[in-house]
């Protein structure tokens, strides 16, 4: 039986031809993404006096392009969008401003996420918080209440974007180094300057209808994509001693099969299993890497319809090796309570 190292080496050899950036494709993607986004924002401000509803509608469309800009930002953090590190860093900073993400901060945290994804002993950085059933059963009532609040869809996808944009992305972690801290501060200053200019020239109401609605909807979509790529019934999780890199990539990350338009808007990030296996594959090569690498076809496939079922899953059951609902856990609590009374 092949070892983890052998499997990893073989799969990486299989996808290696796709882990190469194409400058022409990258530039074209920037043009067909950033130019329409800015045009939509300008149009939104121009029609705000005619119809605020039309502006809001344009902002919702803009949100899709912000998601696509974020995919460019995301590729830059992996050094996969351009061959040049400087080009990745500059484009990453610029797209980070457009999406409200500090480049160096997110790059480090996302690198940690890739190195620890599906590892039960190394959760906490770059992940959506998740408890196991056993952890939940041992938690206090207050901790359980907070976790239920956090995992509520209205909180995660409603308050989550606001917290991410206004708080999480604006402050460094305590262990951040000087370069990362400086990058976050500069990003914040540039964003604050742009916001102040837009509010002064266009008015705060128009600003909220254009930038506010755009970032809120884009944030909700982004959190949803990140959530669904790792939260589905038979997702893979293991403790560090048993954790397997290949399984974490292929079994712990889903293939989110989307309609072609949504696949384009989301920059092929639905091929998340490919991305976790080989982060240096640029987004425009992910589909081809999946199609031409048969072992990757075993990844769990999720559709728009089936993805909605994942909203039910709140806790990971180590014994069953799958996600379960709060209802499932409540039944466990009731059985244990009855057992204690009988004893």
Protein backbone atom coordinates (compact mmCIF):
# COMPACT_ATOMS: atom_id res chain seq x y z
CA UNK A 1 0.00 0.00 0.00
CA UNK A 2 1.38 3.42 -0.95
CA UNK A 3 2.50 5.65 1.91
CA UNK A 4 1.22 9.18 2.42
CA UNK A 5 4.46 10.55 0.94
CA UNK A 6 4.23 8.31 -2.11
CA UNK A 7 0.57 9.18 -2.74
CA UNK A 8 1.29 12.86 -2.32
CA UNK A 9 4.30 12.69 -4.64
CA UNK A 10 2.32 10.80 -7.32
CA UNK A 11 -0.68 13.12 -7.22
CA UNK A 12 1.51 16.20 -7.21
CA UNK A 13 3.35 14.85 -10.23
CA UNK A 14 -0.01 14.37 -11.94
CA UNK A 15 -1.10 17.97 -11.34
CA UNK A 16 2.35 19.57 -11.73
CA UNK A 17 1.76 20.47 -15.41
CA UNK A 18 -1.21 22.63 -14.34
CA UNK A 19 0.68 24.47 -11.59
CA UNK A 20 2.01 27.09 -13.97
CA UNK A 21 0.75 30.61 -14.36
CA UNK A 22 0.06 32.11 -17.76
CA UNK A 23 0.73 35.86 -17.77
CA UNK A 24 -1.62 36.52 -20.69
CA UNK A 25 -4.47 34.61 -19.02
CA UNK A 26 -3.85 36.37 -15.72
CA UNK A 27 -3.88 39.83 -17.28
CA UNK A 28 -7.00 39.00 -19.29
CA UNK A 29 -8.71 37.81 -16.12
CA UNK A 30 -7.87 41.06 -14.38
CA UNK A 31 -9.34 43.02 -17.32
CA UNK A 32 -12.57 41.01 -17.53
CA UNK A 33 -13.04 41.19 -13.76
CA UNK A 34 -11.78 44.51 -12.40
CA UNK A 35 -12.88 46.72 -15.32
CA UNK A 36 -16.54 45.55 -15.18
CA UNK A 37 -16.51 45.89 -11.38
CA UNK A 38 -15.39 49.52 -11.48
CA UNK A 39 -17.83 50.23 -14.32
CA UNK A 40 -20.69 48.78 -12.26
CA UNK A 41 -19.70 50.89 -9.25
CA UNK A 42 -19.62 54.06 -11.38
CA UNK A 43 -23.00 53.17 -12.89
CA UNK A 44 -24.40 52.58 -9.42
CA UNK A 45 -23.42 56.06 -8.28
CA UNK A 46 -24.74 57.63 -11.49
CA UNK A 47 -28.26 56.18 -11.16
CA UNK A 48 -28.66 56.48 -7.38
CA UNK A 49 -30.80 59.63 -7.74
CA UNK A 50 -32.90 57.97 -10.43
CA UNK A 51 -33.57 54.76 -8.53
CA UNK A 52 -31.88 53.56 -5.32
CA UNK A 53 -33.31 50.12 -6.10
CA UNK A 54 -31.47 50.06 -9.42
CA UNK A 55 -28.28 51.03 -7.63
CA UNK A 56 -28.80 48.22 -5.12
CA UNK A 57 -29.38 45.79 -7.99
CA UNK A 58 -26.15 46.86 -9.67
CA UNK A 59 -24.39 46.43 -6.32
CA UNK A 60 -25.60 42.83 -6.06
CA UNK A 61 -24.15 42.15 -9.51
CA UNK A 62 -20.97 43.94 -8.42
CA UNK A 63 -20.72 41.52 -5.50
CA UNK A 64 -20.22 38.66 -7.94
CA UNK A 65 -17.28 40.48 -9.50
CA UNK A 66 -15.83 41.19 -6.04
CA UNK A 67 -15.89 37.44 -5.37
CA UNK A 68 -14.00 36.96 -8.63
CA UNK A 69 -11.51 39.71 -7.66
CA UNK A 70 -11.01 37.88 -4.38
CA UNK A 71 -10.07 34.73 -6.30
CA UNK A 72 -7.32 36.75 -8.03
CA UNK A 73 -6.22 38.02 -4.60
CA UNK A 74 -6.33 34.44 -3.31
CA UNK A 75 -4.13 33.18 -6.15
CA UNK A 76 -1.64 35.96 -5.48
CA UNK A 77 -1.32 34.87 -1.84
CA UNK A 78 -0.33 31.42 -3.11
CA UNK A 79 2.13 32.92 -5.60
CA UNK A 80 0.24 31.23 -8.42
CA UNK A 81 -1.25 34.14 -10.39
CA UNK A 82 2.04 35.43 -11.82
CA UNK A 83 5.52 33.94 -12.08
CA UNK A 84 6.94 37.08 -10.46
CA UNK A 85 6.69 37.37 -6.68
CA UNK A 86 6.64 41.16 -6.98
CA UNK A 87 3.74 41.02 -9.43
CA UNK A 88 1.80 38.72 -7.11
CA UNK A 89 2.50 41.00 -4.15
CA UNK A 90 1.47 44.23 -5.92
CA UNK A 91 -1.66 42.76 -7.52
CA UNK A 92 -2.45 41.04 -4.22
CA UNK A 93 -2.25 44.36 -2.36
CA UNK A 94 -4.41 46.13 -4.96
CA UNK A 95 -7.08 43.41 -5.06
CA UNK A 96 -6.90 43.25 -1.26
CA UNK A 97 -7.91 46.91 -1.12
CA UNK A 98 -10.80 46.27 -3.52
CA UNK A 99 -12.05 43.36 -1.40
CA UNK A 100 -11.05 44.82 2.02
CA UNK A 101 -8.51 42.07 2.81
CA UNK A 102 -4.98 42.83 4.06
CA UNK A 103 -2.66 40.84 1.81
CA UNK A 104 0.14 39.71 4.15
CA UNK A 105 -2.17 38.90 7.05
CA UNK A 106 -4.51 36.78 4.98
CA UNK A 107 -1.62 35.10 3.13
CA UNK A 108 -0.11 33.82 6.36
CA UNK A 109 -3.39 32.72 7.90
CA UNK A 110 -4.50 30.99 4.70
CA UNK A 111 -1.16 29.17 4.46
CA UNK A 112 -1.77 27.85 7.96
CA UNK A 113 -5.27 26.79 6.93
CA UNK A 114 -3.84 24.72 4.08
CA UNK A 115 -1.28 23.10 6.37
CA UNK A 116 -3.86 22.19 9.03
CA UNK A 117 -7.13 21.70 7.14
CA UNK A 118 -9.16 18.77 8.56
CA UNK A 119 -6.68 18.37 11.43
CA UNK A 120 -8.67 18.21 14.68
CA UNK A 121 -5.64 19.12 16.78
CA UNK A 122 -4.69 22.21 14.80
CA UNK A 123 -7.92 24.11 14.34
CA UNK A 124 -8.35 27.83 14.93
CA UNK A 125 -6.51 29.79 12.24
CA UNK A 126 -8.16 30.43 8.89
CA UNK A 127 -11.04 28.08 9.69
CA UNK A 128 -14.72 28.35 10.48
CA UNK A 129 -14.97 27.35 14.14
CA UNK A 130 -16.20 23.80 14.62
CA UNK A 131 -16.78 21.64 17.69
CA UNK A 132 -16.78 17.88 17.80
CA UNK A 133 -19.73 16.13 19.47
CA UNK A 134 -17.56 15.21 22.45
CA UNK A 135 -16.36 18.79 22.88
CA UNK A 136 -19.93 20.03 22.74
CA UNK A 137 -21.10 17.52 25.35
CA UNK A 138 -18.30 18.62 27.69
CA UNK A 139 -18.92 22.34 27.13
CA UNK A 140 -20.75 24.56 29.61
CA UNK A 141 -24.26 25.82 28.85
CA UNK A 142 -22.83 29.23 28.05
CA UNK A 143 -20.30 27.78 25.60
CA UNK A 144 -23.01 25.72 23.93
CA UNK A 145 -25.25 28.77 23.62
CA UNK A 146 -22.45 30.81 22.06
CA UNK A 147 -21.62 28.03 19.62
CA UNK A 148 -25.26 27.70 18.59
CA UNK A 149 -25.38 31.46 18.05
CA UNK A 150 -22.18 31.38 15.99
CA UNK A 151 -23.37 28.50 13.78
CA UNK A 152 -26.78 30.05 13.12
CA UNK A 153 -26.98 30.83 9.37
CA UNK A 154 -28.33 34.34 10.01
CA UNK A 155 -25.33 35.06 12.21
CA UNK A 156 -22.70 33.34 10.07
CA UNK A 157 -23.84 34.75 6.73
CA UNK A 158 -25.53 37.91 8.05
CA UNK A 159 -23.37 39.30 10.84
CA UNK A 160 -20.32 37.36 9.64
CA UNK A 161 -19.53 39.64 6.66
CA UNK A 162 -19.81 42.76 8.84
CA UNK A 163 -17.49 41.30 11.48
CA UNK A 164 -15.03 40.14 8.82
CA UNK A 165 -14.84 43.49 6.99
CA UNK A 166 -15.04 45.85 9.98
CA UNK A 167 -13.11 43.91 12.63
CA UNK A 168 -11.32 40.71 11.60
CA UNK A 169 -9.61 42.18 8.53
CA UNK A 170 -8.65 45.41 10.24
CA UNK A 171 -6.48 44.09 13.07
CA UNK A 172 -3.35 41.93 13.17
CA UNK A 173 -2.90 38.82 15.24
CA UNK A 174 -0.66 39.15 18.28
CA UNK A 175 2.08 37.04 16.69
CA UNK A 176 2.17 39.06 13.45
CA UNK A 177 5.60 40.26 12.32
CA UNK A 178 6.46 43.81 11.30
CA UNK A 179 5.97 43.30 7.55
CA UNK A 180 2.50 41.87 8.09
CA UNK A 181 1.55 44.60 10.57
CA UNK A 182 2.73 47.35 8.23
CA UNK A 183 0.83 45.86 5.30
CA UNK A 184 -2.39 45.73 7.32
CA UNK A 185 -1.97 49.33 8.49
CA UNK A 186 -1.24 50.60 4.96
CA UNK A 187 -4.23 48.65 3.60
CA UNK A 188 -6.46 50.17 6.28
CA UNK A 189 -5.22 53.70 5.55
CA UNK A 190 -5.78 53.32 1.79
CA UNK A 191 -9.27 51.86 2.31
CA UNK A 192 -10.15 54.61 4.81
CA UNK A 193 -8.94 57.27 2.36
CA UNK A 194 -10.98 55.83 -0.51
CA UNK A 195 -14.09 55.52 1.67
CA UNK A 196 -13.73 59.07 2.98
CA UNK A 197 -13.34 60.39 -0.57
CA UNK A 198 -16.40 58.52 -1.83
CA UNK A 199 -18.54 59.60 1.15
CA UNK A 200 -17.45 63.23 0.74
CA UNK A 201 -18.08 63.34 -3.02
CA UNK A 202 -21.06 61.00 -3.40
CA UNK A 203 -22.74 61.10 0.03
CA UNK A 204 -22.95 58.44 2.71
CA UNK A 205 -26.29 57.07 1.50
CA UNK A 206 -24.93 56.42 -2.01
CA UNK A 207 -21.74 54.98 -0.49
CA UNK A 208 -23.70 52.47 1.58
CA UNK A 209 -25.88 51.50 -1.40
CA UNK A 210 -22.86 50.89 -3.63
CA UNK A 211 -19.87 49.85 -1.51
CA UNK A 212 -21.86 48.71 1.51
CA UNK A 213 -24.27 46.42 -0.34
CA UNK A 214 -21.51 45.11 -2.62
CA UNK A 215 -19.17 44.09 0.20
CA UNK A 216 -21.96 42.69 2.36
CA UNK A 217 -23.31 40.42 -0.40
CA UNK A 218 -19.79 39.45 -1.54
CA UNK A 219 -18.84 38.69 2.06
CA UNK A 220 -21.87 36.45 2.54
CA UNK A 221 -21.09 34.61 -0.70
CA UNK A 222 -17.44 34.23 0.28
CA UNK A 223 -18.25 32.81 3.70
CA UNK A 224 -20.78 30.44 2.11
CA UNK A 225 -18.19 29.16 -0.38
CA UNK A 226 -15.61 28.60 2.35
CA UNK A 227 -18.22 26.94 4.56
CA UNK A 228 -19.60 24.55 1.94
CA UNK A 229 -16.15 23.49 0.71
CA UNK A 230 -15.38 21.91 4.08
CA UNK A 231 -18.78 21.28 5.70
CA UNK A 232 -20.67 18.34 4.26
CA UNK A 233 -21.85 15.12 5.86
CA UNK A 234 -18.93 12.79 5.11
CA UNK A 235 -16.12 15.36 5.28
CA UNK A 236 -12.74 14.14 6.51
CA UNK A 237 -11.30 15.09 9.91
CA UNK A 238 -8.59 13.36 11.90
CA UNK A 239 -6.28 13.92 14.85
CA UNK A 240 -2.71 14.91 14.08
CA UNK A 241 -1.26 11.41 14.55
CA UNK A 242 -3.63 9.97 11.91
CA UNK A 243 -3.96 13.04 9.68
CA UNK A 244 -3.23 12.45 6.00
CA UNK A 245 -2.43 15.32 3.63
CA UNK A 246 -3.91 13.66 0.55
CA UNK A 247 -7.11 12.63 2.35
CA UNK A 248 -7.44 16.13 3.80
CA UNK A 249 -7.27 17.54 0.27
CA UNK A 250 -9.38 15.04 -1.65
CA UNK A 251 -11.80 13.91 1.07
CA UNK A 252 -11.83 16.98 3.32
CA UNK A 253 -12.51 19.47 0.52
CA UNK A 254 -15.52 19.25 -1.76
CA UNK A 255 -16.00 19.57 -5.49
CA UNK A 256 -18.75 22.19 -5.63
CA UNK A 257 -20.28 21.58 -9.06
CA UNK A 258 -21.81 24.88 -10.08
CA UNK A 259 -23.58 26.11 -13.24
CA UNK A 260 -21.07 27.54 -15.71
CA UNK A 261 -21.94 31.19 -14.97
CA UNK A 262 -21.47 30.73 -11.23
CA UNK A 263 -18.34 28.70 -11.84
CA UNK A 264 -16.96 31.68 -13.78
CA UNK A 265 -17.99 34.19 -11.12
CA UNK A 266 -16.38 32.10 -8.37
CA UNK A 267 -13.17 31.59 -10.32
CA UNK A 268 -13.39 27.78 -10.35
CA UNK A 269 -12.93 27.67 -6.57
CA UNK A 270 -15.54 24.90 -6.55
CA UNK A 271 -12.66 22.60 -7.53
CA UNK A 272 -11.50 23.05 -3.97
CA UNK A 273 -10.08 19.55 -3.64
CA UNK A 274 -7.68 20.33 -6.49
CA UNK A 275 -6.73 23.62 -4.89
CA UNK A 276 -5.98 22.02 -1.51
CA UNK A 277 -3.89 19.32 -3.12
CA UNK A 278 -1.91 21.78 -5.26
CA UNK A 279 -2.28 25.43 -4.16
CA UNK A 280 0.09 26.62 -6.90
CA UNK A 281 -2.43 25.72 -9.62
CA UNK A 282 -3.93 29.07 -10.78
CA UNK A 283 -7.71 29.28 -10.74
CA UNK A 284 -8.01 29.11 -14.53
CA UNK A 285 -6.28 25.69 -14.56
CA UNK A 286 -8.25 24.04 -11.75
CA UNK A 287 -10.98 22.53 -13.92
CA UNK A 288 -8.51 21.07 -16.39
CA UNK A 289 -6.41 19.62 -13.55
CA UNK A 290 -9.53 17.94 -12.14
CA UNK A 291 -10.70 16.58 -15.49
CA UNK A 292 -7.31 15.14 -16.43
CA UNK A 293 -6.41 13.63 -13.04
CA UNK A 294 -8.67 10.55 -12.43
CA UNK A 295 -7.80 10.09 -8.70
CA UNK A 296 -9.33 13.52 -8.06
CA UNK A 297 -12.70 12.36 -9.39
CA UNK A 298 -13.29 10.56 -6.07
CA UNK A 299 -13.80 13.87 -4.24
CA UNK A 300 -17.26 14.45 -2.79
CA UNK A 301 -19.39 16.27 -5.37
CA UNK A 302 -21.90 18.83 -4.12
CA UNK A 303 -24.47 20.69 -6.20
CA UNK A 304 -26.39 23.89 -5.48
CA UNK A 305 -29.35 21.83 -4.27
CA UNK A 306 -27.44 19.38 -2.11
CA UNK A 307 -25.22 22.13 -0.69
CA UNK A 308 -28.21 23.62 1.14
CA UNK A 309 -28.43 20.44 3.22
CA UNK A 310 -25.08 21.34 4.78
CA UNK A 311 -26.72 24.17 6.72
CA UNK A 312 -28.03 21.44 9.03
CA UNK A 313 -24.57 20.18 9.99
CA UNK A 314 -23.18 21.76 13.12
CA UNK A 315 -20.87 19.29 14.88
CA UNK A 316 -18.38 16.64 13.79
CA UNK A 317 -18.94 13.17 15.21
CA UNK A 318 -15.56 11.43 15.45
CA UNK A 319 -17.15 8.04 16.14
CA UNK A 320 -19.22 8.10 12.96
CA UNK A 321 -16.73 10.12 10.92
CA UNK A 322 -19.32 12.61 9.74
CA UNK A 323 -21.09 15.88 10.53
CA UNK A 324 -24.30 15.74 12.56
CA UNK A 325 -27.08 18.15 13.52
CA UNK A 326 -27.92 19.72 16.87
CA UNK A 327 -31.03 17.51 16.87
CA UNK A 328 -28.83 14.42 16.68
CA UNK A 329 -26.76 15.61 19.63
CA UNK A 330 -29.85 16.53 21.65
CA UNK A 331 -30.93 12.90 21.34
CA UNK A 332 -27.55 11.81 22.70
CA UNK A 333 -27.92 14.20 25.64
CA UNK A 334 -31.42 12.86 26.38
CA UNK A 335 -30.21 9.24 26.27
CA UNK A 336 -27.36 10.04 28.64
CA UNK A 337 -29.73 11.85 31.01
CA UNK A 338 -32.10 8.85 31.05
CA UNK A 339 -29.18 6.53 31.65
CA UNK A 340 -28.03 8.60 34.63
CA UNK A 341 -31.52 8.57 36.16
CA UNK A 342 -31.88 4.82 35.66
CA UNK A 343 -28.50 4.23 37.30
